[in-house]
PDB file of N, CA and C in Angstrom:
ATOM      1  N   MET A   1       0.837  -1.175   0.000  1.00  0.00           N
ATOM      2  CA  MET A   1       0.000   0.000   0.000  1.00  0.00           C
ATOM      3  C   MET A   1       0.879   1.235   0.000  1.00  0.00           C
ATOM      4  N   ALA A   2       0.559   2.185  -0.827  1.00  0.00           N
ATOM      5  CA  ALA A   2       1.236   3.475  -0.795  1.00  0.00           C
ATOM      6  C   ALA A   2       0.637   4.293   0.353  1.00  0.00           C
ATOM      7  N   ALA A   3       1.392   5.256   0.826  1.00  0.00           N
ATOM      8  CA  ALA A   3       0.912   6.099   1.916  1.00  0.00           C
ATOM      9  C   ALA A   3      -0.334   6.866   1.473  1.00  0.00           C
ATOM     10  N   VAL A   4      -1.271   6.990   2.392  1.00  0.00           N
ATOM     11  CA  VAL A   4      -2.477   7.795   2.174  1.00  0.00           C
ATOM     12  C   VAL A   4      -2.313   9.011   3.066  1.00  0.00           C
ATOM     13  N   LYS A   5      -2.015  10.164   2.463  1.00  0.00           N
ATOM     14  CA  LYS A   5      -1.695  11.364   3.239  1.00  0.00           C
ATOM     15  C   LYS A   5      -2.644  12.505   2.890  1.00  0.00           C
ATOM     16  N   HIS A   6      -3.910  12.258   3.039  1.00  0.00           N
ATOM     17  CA  HIS A   6      -4.896  13.315   2.860  1.00  0.00           C
ATOM     18  C   HIS A   6      -6.088  12.972   3.742  1.00  0.00           C
ATOM     19  N   GLY A   7      -6.839  13.982   4.089  1.00  0.00           N
ATOM     20  CA  GLY A   7      -7.961  13.744   4.980  1.00  0.00           C
ATOM     21  C   GLY A   7      -7.474  13.359   6.362  1.00  0.00           C
ATOM     22  N   ASN A   8      -8.274  12.564   7.030  1.00  0.00           N
ATOM     23  CA  ASN A   8      -7.939  12.124   8.372  1.00  0.00           C
ATOM     24  C   ASN A   8      -8.431  10.707   8.504  1.00  0.00           C
ATOM     25  N   ILE A   9      -7.635   9.750   8.645  1.00  0.00           N
ATOM     26  CA  ILE A   9      -6.293   9.675   9.181  1.00  0.00           C
ATOM     27  C   ILE A   9      -5.297   9.425   8.058  1.00  0.00           C
ATOM     28  N   TRP A  10      -4.026   9.783   8.324  1.00  0.00           N
ATOM     29  CA  TRP A  10      -2.970   9.447   7.384  1.00  0.00           C
ATOM     30  C   TRP A  10      -2.501   8.035   7.717  1.00  0.00           C
ATOM     31  N   LEU A  11      -2.302   7.216   6.680  1.00  0.00           N
ATOM     32  CA  LEU A  11      -1.851   5.837   6.850  1.00  0.00           C
ATOM     33  C   LEU A  11      -0.527   5.661   6.129  1.00  0.00           C
ATOM     34  N   CYS A  12       0.496   5.205   6.844  1.00  0.00           N
ATOM     35  CA  CYS A  12       1.832   5.055   6.265  1.00  0.00           C
ATOM     36  C   CYS A  12       2.388   3.694   6.644  1.00  0.00           C
ATOM     37  N   ASP A  13       2.961   2.976   5.657  1.00  0.00           N
ATOM     38  CA  ASP A  13       3.473   1.648   5.941  1.00  0.00           C
ATOM     39  C   ASP A  13       4.944   1.465   5.586  1.00  0.00           C
ATOM     40  N   ALA A  14       5.662   2.573   5.424  1.00  0.00           N
ATOM     41  CA  ALA A  14       7.094   2.505   5.105  1.00  0.00           C
ATOM     42  C   ALA A  14       7.773   3.784   5.576  1.00  0.00           C
ATOM     43  N   ALA A  15       9.099   3.717   5.666  1.00  0.00           N
ATOM     44  CA  ALA A  15       9.861   4.909   6.043  1.00  0.00           C
ATOM     45  C   ALA A  15       9.682   5.978   4.981  1.00  0.00           C
ATOM     46  N   GLU A  16       9.408   7.208   5.408  1.00  0.00           N
ATOM     47  CA  GLU A  16       9.255   8.335   4.497  1.00  0.00           C
ATOM     48  C   GLU A  16       9.111   9.619   5.289  1.00  0.00           C
ATOM     49  N   SER A  17       9.279  10.723   4.597  1.00  0.00           N
ATOM     50  CA  SER A  17       9.073  12.036   5.190  1.00  0.00           C
ATOM     51  C   SER A  17       7.614  12.414   4.991  1.00  0.00           C
ATOM     52  N   LEU A  18       6.897  12.630   6.096  1.00  0.00           N
ATOM     53  CA  LEU A  18       5.498  13.019   5.978  1.00  0.00           C
ATOM     54  C   LEU A  18       5.373  14.505   5.693  1.00  0.00           C
ATOM     55  N   TRP A  19       6.146  15.318   6.419  1.00  0.00           N
ATOM     56  CA  TRP A  19       6.218  16.736   6.117  1.00  0.00           C
ATOM     57  C   TRP A  19       7.453  17.332   6.787  1.00  0.00           C
ATOM     58  N   THR A  20       7.967  18.409   6.207  1.00  0.00           N
ATOM     59  CA  THR A  20       9.088  19.137   6.797  1.00  0.00           C
ATOM     60  C   THR A  20       8.803  20.627   6.670  1.00  0.00           C
ATOM     61  N   LYS A  21       9.199  21.369   7.686  1.00  0.00           N
ATOM     62  CA  LYS A  21       9.051  22.830   7.714  1.00  0.00           C
ATOM     63  C   LYS A  21       7.618  23.273   7.481  1.00  0.00           C
ATOM     64  N   THR A  22       6.664  22.454   7.912  1.00  0.00           N
ATOM     65  CA  THR A  22       5.253  22.778   7.771  1.00  0.00           C
ATOM     66  C   THR A  22       4.564  22.499   9.100  1.00  0.00           C
ATOM     67  N   PRO A  23       4.362  23.524   9.930  1.00  0.00           N
ATOM     68  CA  PRO A  23       3.712  23.279  11.222  1.00  0.00           C
ATOM     69  C   PRO A  23       2.346  22.617  11.021  1.00  0.00           C
ATOM     70  N   THR A  24       2.188  21.442  11.624  1.00  0.00           N
ATOM     71  CA  THR A  24       0.950  20.684  11.512  1.00  0.00           C
ATOM     72  C   THR A  24       0.585  20.174  12.895  1.00  0.00           C
ATOM     73  N   LYS A  25      -0.674  20.336  13.266  1.00  0.00           N
ATOM     74  CA  LYS A  25      -1.124  19.863  14.571  1.00  0.00           C
ATOM     75  C   LYS A  25      -1.579  18.414  14.463  1.00  0.00           C
ATOM     76  N   VAL A  26      -1.039  17.600  15.381  1.00  0.00           N
ATOM     77  CA  VAL A  26      -1.324  16.171  15.399  1.00  0.00           C
ATOM     78  C   VAL A  26      -2.085  15.841  16.676  1.00  0.00           C
ATOM     79  N   ARG A  27      -3.174  15.089  16.519  1.00  0.00           N
ATOM     80  CA  ARG A  27      -3.988  14.701  17.666  1.00  0.00           C
ATOM     81  C   ARG A  27      -3.583  13.336  18.234  1.00  0.00           C
ATOM     82  N   LEU A  28      -3.192  12.395  17.353  1.00  0.00           N
ATOM     83  CA  LEU A  28      -2.872  11.047  17.818  1.00  0.00           C
ATOM     84  C   LEU A  28      -1.966  10.359  16.807  1.00  0.00           C
ATOM     85  N   ILE A  29      -0.988   9.591  17.304  1.00  0.00           N
ATOM     86  CA  ILE A  29      -0.122   8.768  16.458  1.00  0.00           C
ATOM     87  C   ILE A  29      -0.182   7.349  17.014  1.00  0.00           C
ATOM     88  N   GLN A  30      -0.432   6.368  16.136  1.00  0.00           N
ATOM     89  CA  GLN A  30      -0.462   4.970  16.560  1.00  0.00           C
ATOM     90  C   GLN A  30       0.329   4.108  15.587  1.00  0.00           C
ATOM     91  N   TRP A  31       1.083   3.163  16.129  1.00  0.00           N
ATOM     92  CA  TRP A  31       1.740   2.132  15.333  1.00  0.00           C
ATOM     93  C   TRP A  31       0.884   0.890  15.488  1.00  0.00           C
ATOM     94  N   VAL A  32       0.305   0.432  14.386  1.00  0.00           N
ATOM     95  CA  VAL A  32      -0.685  -0.637  14.408  1.00  0.00           C
ATOM     96  C   VAL A  32      -0.152  -1.868  13.678  1.00  0.00           C
ATOM     97  N   ASP A  33      -0.383  -3.036  14.275  1.00  0.00           N
ATOM     98  CA  ASP A  33      -0.009  -4.308  13.656  1.00  0.00           C
ATOM     99  C   ASP A  33      -1.101  -4.671  12.652  1.00  0.00           C
ATOM    100  N   ASP A  34      -0.999  -4.123  11.449  1.00  0.00           N
ATOM    101  CA  ASP A  34      -2.063  -4.246  10.453  1.00  0.00           C
ATOM    102  C   ASP A  34      -2.124  -5.607   9.769  1.00  0.00           C
ATOM    103  N   ASN A  35      -1.056  -6.385   9.820  1.00  0.00           N
ATOM    104  CA  ASN A  35      -1.044  -7.702   9.170  1.00  0.00           C
ATOM    105  C   ASN A  35      -0.713  -8.839  10.131  1.00  0.00           C
ATOM    106  N   GLY A  36      -0.665  -8.552  11.416  1.00  0.00           N
ATOM    107  CA  GLY A  36      -0.309  -9.583  12.387  1.00  0.00           C
ATOM    108  C   GLY A  36       1.121 -10.065  12.231  1.00  0.00           C
ATOM    109  N   ASP A  37       2.019  -9.161  11.767  1.00  0.00           N
ATOM    110  CA  ASP A  37       3.397  -9.580  11.498  1.00  0.00           C
ATOM    111  C   ASP A  37       4.434  -8.848  12.346  1.00  0.00           C
ATOM    112  N   ILE A  38       4.012  -8.044  13.297  1.00  0.00           N
ATOM    113  CA  ILE A  38       4.977  -7.386  14.189  1.00  0.00           C
ATOM    114  C   ILE A  38       5.356  -8.375  15.274  1.00  0.00           C
ATOM    115  N   ILE A  39       6.648  -8.616  15.396  1.00  0.00           N
ATOM    116  CA  ILE A  39       7.142  -9.590  16.360  1.00  0.00           C
ATOM    117  C   ILE A  39       8.132  -8.929  17.317  1.00  0.00           C
ATOM    118  N   HIS A  40       8.583  -9.699  18.278  1.00  0.00           N
ATOM    119  CA  HIS A  40       9.572  -9.238  19.258  1.00  0.00           C
ATOM    120  C   HIS A  40      10.758  -8.589  18.544  1.00  0.00           C
ATOM    121  N   ASP A  41      11.164  -7.441  19.033  1.00  0.00           N
ATOM    122  CA  ASP A  41      12.314  -6.680  18.548  1.00  0.00           C
ATOM    123  C   ASP A  41      12.054  -5.883  17.267  1.00  0.00           C
ATOM    124  N   SER A  42      10.798  -5.829  16.801  1.00  0.00           N
ATOM    125  CA  SER A  42      10.489  -4.933  15.683  1.00  0.00           C
ATOM    126  C   SER A  42      10.739  -3.498  16.146  1.00  0.00           C
ATOM    127  N   THR A  43      11.155  -2.637  15.214  1.00  0.00           N
ATOM    128  CA  THR A  43      11.562  -1.275  15.570  1.00  0.00           C
ATOM    129  C   THR A  43      10.845  -0.241  14.730  1.00  0.00           C
ATOM    130  N   LEU A  44      10.469   0.844  15.383  1.00  0.00           N
ATOM    131  CA  LEU A  44       9.932   2.035  14.725  1.00  0.00           C
ATOM    132  C   LEU A  44      10.770   3.210  15.198  1.00  0.00           C
ATOM    133  N   VAL A  45      11.290   3.995  14.252  1.00  0.00           N
ATOM    134  CA  VAL A  45      12.028   5.212  14.607  1.00  0.00           C
ATOM    135  C   VAL A  45      11.337   6.374  13.915  1.00  0.00           C
ATOM    136  N   LEU A  46      10.896   7.337  14.726  1.00  0.00           N
ATOM    137  CA  LEU A  46      10.297   8.568  14.215  1.00  0.00           C
ATOM    138  C   LEU A  46      11.240   9.710  14.531  1.00  0.00           C
ATOM    139  N   THR A  47      11.376  10.648  13.606  1.00  0.00           N
ATOM    140  CA  THR A  47      12.143  11.856  13.868  1.00  0.00           C
ATOM    141  C   THR A  47      11.158  13.018  13.811  1.00  0.00           C
ATOM    142  N   LEU A  48      10.888  13.580  14.988  1.00  0.00           N
ATOM    143  CA  LEU A  48       9.922  14.669  15.119  1.00  0.00           C
ATOM    144  C   LEU A  48      10.662  15.932  15.523  1.00  0.00           C
ATOM    145  N   ASN A  49      10.556  16.957  14.715  1.00  0.00           N
ATOM    146  CA  ASN A  49      11.239  18.229  14.980  1.00  0.00           C
ATOM    147  C   ASN A  49      12.729  18.023  15.235  1.00  0.00           C
ATOM    148  N   GLY A  50      13.332  17.080  14.499  1.00  0.00           N
ATOM    149  CA  GLY A  50      14.764  16.835  14.594  1.00  0.00           C
ATOM    150  C   GLY A  50      15.195  15.914  15.720  1.00  0.00           C
ATOM    151  N   VAL A  51      14.239  15.400  16.504  1.00  0.00           N
ATOM    152  CA  VAL A  51      14.555  14.509  17.615  1.00  0.00           C
ATOM    153  C   VAL A  51      14.109  13.092  17.249  1.00  0.00           C
ATOM    154  N   ALA A  52      15.036  12.137  17.307  1.00  0.00           N
ATOM    155  CA  ALA A  52      14.715  10.747  16.968  1.00  0.00           C
ATOM    156  C   ALA A  52      14.144  10.028  18.185  1.00  0.00           C
ATOM    157  N   LEU A  53      13.023   9.356  17.983  1.00  0.00           N
ATOM    158  CA  LEU A  53      12.385   8.536  19.008  1.00  0.00           C
ATOM    159  C   LEU A  53      12.398   7.101  18.514  1.00  0.00           C
ATOM    160  N   THR A  54      12.936   6.185  19.305  1.00  0.00           N
ATOM    161  CA  THR A  54      13.021   4.781  18.912  1.00  0.00           C
ATOM    162  C   THR A  54      12.110   3.952  19.796  1.00  0.00           C
ATOM    163  N   MET A  55      11.204   3.186  19.152  1.00  0.00           N
ATOM    164  CA  MET A  55      10.312   2.278  19.851  1.00  0.00           C
ATOM    165  C   MET A  55      10.678   0.855  19.440  1.00  0.00           C
ATOM    166  N   LYS A  56      10.869  -0.015  20.410  1.00  0.00           N
ATOM    167  CA  LYS A  56      11.154  -1.433  20.152  1.00  0.00           C
ATOM    168  C   LYS A  56      10.048  -2.246  20.793  1.00  0.00           C
ATOM    169  N   VAL A  57       9.530  -3.211  20.059  1.00  0.00           N
ATOM    170  CA  VAL A  57       8.441  -4.040  20.542  1.00  0.00           C
ATOM    171  C   VAL A  57       8.993  -5.186  21.370  1.00  0.00           C
ATOM    172  N   GLN A  58       8.406  -5.383  22.533  1.00  0.00           N
ATOM    173  CA  GLN A  58       8.765  -6.511  23.376  1.00  0.00           C
ATOM    174  C   GLN A  58       7.484  -7.135  23.933  1.00  0.00           C
ATOM    175  N   PRO A  59       6.685  -7.752  23.052  1.00  0.00           N
ATOM    176  CA  PRO A  59       5.431  -8.347  23.512  1.00  0.00           C
ATOM    177  C   PRO A  59       5.678  -9.592  24.360  1.00  0.00           C
ATOM    178  N   VAL A  60       4.707  -9.910  25.188  1.00  0.00           N
ATOM    179  CA  VAL A  60       4.804 -11.109  26.013  1.00  0.00           C
ATOM    180  C   VAL A  60       4.792 -12.349  25.119  1.00  0.00           C
ATOM    181  N   ASN A  61       3.925 -12.348  24.108  1.00  0.00           N
ATOM    182  CA  ASN A  61       3.869 -13.453  23.147  1.00  0.00           C
ATOM    183  C   ASN A  61       4.750 -13.106  21.955  1.00  0.00           C
ATOM    184  N   ASP A  62       4.989 -14.064  21.078  1.00  0.00           N
ATOM    185  CA  ASP A  62       5.804 -13.819  19.890  1.00  0.00           C
ATOM    186  C   ASP A  62       5.140 -12.836  18.931  1.00  0.00           C
ATOM    187  N   GLU A  63       3.816 -12.857  18.873  1.00  0.00           N
ATOM    188  CA  GLU A  63       3.095 -11.990  17.943  1.00  0.00           C
ATOM    189  C   GLU A  63       2.044 -11.198  18.700  1.00  0.00           C
ATOM    190  N   LEU A  64       1.719 -10.040  18.174  1.00  0.00           N
ATOM    191  CA  LEU A  64       0.709  -9.199  18.790  1.00  0.00           C
ATOM    192  C   LEU A  64      -0.675  -9.485  18.232  1.00  0.00           C
ATOM    193  N   GLY A  65      -0.758  -9.739  16.942  1.00  0.00           N
ATOM    194  CA  GLY A  65      -2.044 -10.031  16.324  1.00  0.00           C
ATOM    195  C   GLY A  65      -2.585  -8.877  15.524  1.00  0.00           C
ATOM    196  N   PHE A  66      -3.407  -9.221  14.564  1.00  0.00           N
ATOM    197  CA  PHE A  66      -3.984  -8.256  13.634  1.00  0.00           C
ATOM    198  C   PHE A  66      -4.735  -7.153  14.371  1.00  0.00           C
ATOM    199  N   GLY A  67      -4.409  -5.917  14.039  1.00  0.00           N
ATOM    200  CA  GLY A  67      -5.119  -4.757  14.573  1.00  0.00           C
ATOM    201  C   GLY A  67      -4.633  -4.251  15.916  1.00  0.00           C
ATOM    202  N   ALA A  68      -3.659  -4.907  16.532  1.00  0.00           N
ATOM    203  CA  ALA A  68      -3.170  -4.473  17.847  1.00  0.00           C
ATOM    204  C   ALA A  68      -2.420  -3.156  17.729  1.00  0.00           C
ATOM    205  N   VAL A  69      -2.655  -2.258  18.678  1.00  0.00           N
ATOM    206  CA  VAL A  69      -1.898  -1.009  18.750  1.00  0.00           C
ATOM    207  C   VAL A  69      -0.623  -1.313  19.519  1.00  0.00           C
ATOM    208  N   VAL A  70       0.517  -1.168  18.840  1.00  0.00           N
ATOM    209  CA  VAL A  70       1.817  -1.496  19.414  1.00  0.00           C
ATOM    210  C   VAL A  70       2.346  -0.344  20.254  1.00  0.00           C
ATOM    211  N   TRP A  71       2.156   0.878  19.773  1.00  0.00           N
ATOM    212  CA  TRP A  71       2.642   2.083  20.453  1.00  0.00           C
ATOM    213  C   TRP A  71       1.737   3.236  20.059  1.00  0.00           C
ATOM    214  N   GLU A  72       1.550   4.185  20.986  1.00  0.00           N
ATOM    215  CA  GLU A  72       0.798   5.375  20.619  1.00  0.00           C
ATOM    216  C   GLU A  72       1.271   6.587  21.407  1.00  0.00           C
ATOM    217  N   ALA A  73       1.095   7.741  20.792  1.00  0.00           N
ATOM    218  CA  ALA A  73       1.352   9.032  21.432  1.00  0.00           C
ATOM    219  C   ALA A  73       0.066   9.827  21.313  1.00  0.00           C
ATOM    220  N   GLY A  74      -0.463  10.249  22.434  1.00  0.00           N
ATOM    221  CA  GLY A  74      -1.719  10.978  22.442  1.00  0.00           C
ATOM    222  C   GLY A  74      -2.797  10.138  23.106  1.00  0.00           C
ATOM    223  N   PRO A  75      -4.023  10.550  22.979  1.00  0.00           N
ATOM    224  CA  PRO A  75      -4.503  11.677  22.187  1.00  0.00           C
ATOM    225  C   PRO A  75      -4.190  13.020  22.859  1.00  0.00           C
ATOM    226  N   PHE A  76      -3.940  14.006  22.001  1.00  0.00           N
ATOM    227  CA  PHE A  76      -3.644  15.360  22.448  1.00  0.00           C
ATOM    228  C   PHE A  76      -4.832  16.255  22.111  1.00  0.00           C
ATOM    229  N   ASN A  77      -5.273  17.043  23.080  1.00  0.00           N
ATOM    230  CA  ASN A  77      -6.376  17.968  22.851  1.00  0.00           C
ATOM    231  C   ASN A  77      -6.069  19.270  23.569  1.00  0.00           C
ATOM    232  N   PRO A  78      -5.654  20.297  22.868  1.00  0.00           N
ATOM    233  CA  PRO A  78      -5.599  20.414  21.411  1.00  0.00           C
ATOM    234  C   PRO A  78      -4.399  19.643  20.847  1.00  0.00           C
ATOM    235  N   GLY A  79      -4.357  19.547  19.534  1.00  0.00           N
ATOM    236  CA  GLY A  79      -3.271  18.842  18.863  1.00  0.00           C
ATOM    237  C   GLY A  79      -1.914  19.469  19.140  1.00  0.00           C
ATOM    238  N   VAL A  80      -0.872  18.642  19.096  1.00  0.00           N
ATOM    239  CA  VAL A  80       0.504  19.088  19.306  1.00  0.00           C
ATOM    240  C   VAL A  80       1.086  19.503  17.957  1.00  0.00           C
ATOM    241  N   GLU A  81       1.712  20.680  17.910  1.00  0.00           N
ATOM    242  CA  GLU A  81       2.286  21.176  16.660  1.00  0.00           C
ATOM    243  C   GLU A  81       3.627  20.504  16.390  1.00  0.00           C
ATOM    244  N   ILE A  82       3.732  19.865  15.233  1.00  0.00           N
ATOM    245  CA  ILE A  82       4.967  19.214  14.805  1.00  0.00           C
ATOM    246  C   ILE A  82       5.385  19.860  13.491  1.00  0.00           C
ATOM    247  N   HIS A  83       6.609  20.395  13.436  1.00  0.00           N
ATOM    248  CA  HIS A  83       7.088  21.102  12.246  1.00  0.00           C
ATOM    249  C   HIS A  83       7.716  20.165  11.222  1.00  0.00           C
ATOM    250  N   SER A  84       8.278  19.059  11.693  1.00  0.00           N
ATOM    251  CA  SER A  84       8.932  18.100  10.810  1.00  0.00           C
ATOM    252  C   SER A  84       8.636  16.698  11.320  1.00  0.00           C
ATOM    253  N   PHE A  85       8.086  15.852  10.454  1.00  0.00           N
ATOM    254  CA  PHE A  85       7.669  14.502  10.857  1.00  0.00           C
ATOM    255  C   PHE A  85       8.203  13.524   9.832  1.00  0.00           C
ATOM    256  N   VAL A  86       9.166  12.681  10.263  1.00  0.00           N
ATOM    257  CA  VAL A  86       9.794  11.718   9.368  1.00  0.00           C
ATOM    258  C   VAL A  86       9.700  10.331  10.002  1.00  0.00           C
ATOM    259  N   ILE A  87       9.226   9.359   9.229  1.00  0.00           N
ATOM    260  CA  ILE A  87       9.290   7.962   9.651  1.00  0.00           C
ATOM    261  C   ILE A  87      10.656   7.478   9.177  1.00  0.00           C
ATOM    262  N   THR A  88      11.596   7.378  10.097  1.00  0.00           N
ATOM    263  CA  THR A  88      12.974   7.040   9.756  1.00  0.00           C
ATOM    264  C   THR A  88      13.128   5.545   9.504  1.00  0.00           C
ATOM    265  N   THR A  89      12.523   4.725  10.361  1.00  0.00           N
ATOM    266  CA  THR A  89      12.605   3.269  10.235  1.00  0.00           C
ATOM    267  C   THR A  89      11.258   2.662  10.586  1.00  0.00           C
ATOM    268  N   MET A  90      10.728   1.825   9.700  1.00  0.00           N
ATOM    269  CA  MET A  90       9.525   1.053   9.994  1.00  0.00           C
ATOM    270  C   MET A  90       9.493  -0.129   9.033  1.00  0.00           C
ATOM    271  N   GLY A  91       9.737  -1.319   9.561  1.00  0.00           N
ATOM    272  CA  GLY A  91       9.780  -2.501   8.711  1.00  0.00           C
ATOM    273  C   GLY A  91       8.439  -3.185   8.562  1.00  0.00           C
ATOM    274  N   THR A  92       7.639  -3.149   9.609  1.00  0.00           N
ATOM    275  CA  THR A  92       6.338  -3.797   9.585  1.00  0.00           C
ATOM    276  C   THR A  92       5.311  -2.907  10.267  1.00  0.00           C
ATOM    277  N   GLY A  93       4.063  -3.211  10.029  1.00  0.00           N
ATOM    278  CA  GLY A  93       2.983  -2.451  10.643  1.00  0.00           C
ATOM    279  C   GLY A  93       2.624  -1.234   9.810  1.00  0.00           C
ATOM    280  N   ARG A  94       1.775  -0.424  10.401  1.00  0.00           N
ATOM    281  CA  ARG A  94       1.312   0.796   9.734  1.00  0.00           C
ATOM    282  C   ARG A  94       1.205   1.899  10.770  1.00  0.00           C
ATOM    283  N   LEU A  95       1.628   3.094  10.388  1.00  0.00           N
ATOM    284  CA  LEU A  95       1.518   4.239  11.264  1.00  0.00           C
ATOM    285  C   LEU A  95       0.231   4.978  10.922  1.00  0.00           C
ATOM    286  N   HIS A  96      -0.579   5.241  11.942  1.00  0.00           N
ATOM    287  CA  HIS A  96      -1.807   6.024  11.781  1.00  0.00           C
ATOM    288  C   HIS A  96      -1.556   7.385  12.421  1.00  0.00           C
ATOM    289  N   VAL A  97      -1.772   8.446  11.679  1.00  0.00           N
ATOM    290  CA  VAL A  97      -1.545   9.799  12.188  1.00  0.00           C
ATOM    291  C   VAL A  97      -2.836  10.594  11.995  1.00  0.00           C
ATOM    292  N   TRP A  98      -3.421  11.013  13.126  1.00  0.00           N
ATOM    293  CA  TRP A  98      -4.634  11.835  13.084  1.00  0.00           C
ATOM    294  C   TRP A  98      -4.219  13.295  13.138  1.00  0.00           C
ATOM    295  N   ILE A  99      -4.628  14.047  12.135  1.00  0.00           N
ATOM    296  CA  ILE A  99      -4.327  15.472  12.066  1.00  0.00           C
ATOM    297  C   ILE A  99      -5.454  16.241  12.741  1.00  0.00           C
ATOM    298  N   ASP A 100      -5.092  17.291  13.500  1.00  0.00           N
ATOM    299  CA  ASP A 100      -6.079  18.086  14.230  1.00  0.00           C
ATOM    300  C   ASP A 100      -6.704  19.108  13.306  1.00  0.00           C
TER     301      ASP A 100
END
């Protein structure tokens, strides 16, 4: 699937730059196991406003299962302003980004 970056929610399944130098308010970010293929030690790295955040999965079981939310930030009310949003590393799953 190619990234869907219009409307609400944005769906991204690969490393890419979502936006740079464009202040955008974000209400919620979720890393979702969309195919039941996220396993122990899977990694997501986001670079937000130049700061890298690394999330590593350490589930109790080997697999999380279809539709499981692996990690989330938010919900924020009002939305948090992010000037630069880059998915630096994402091998599996899908990132859901709700724009405010």
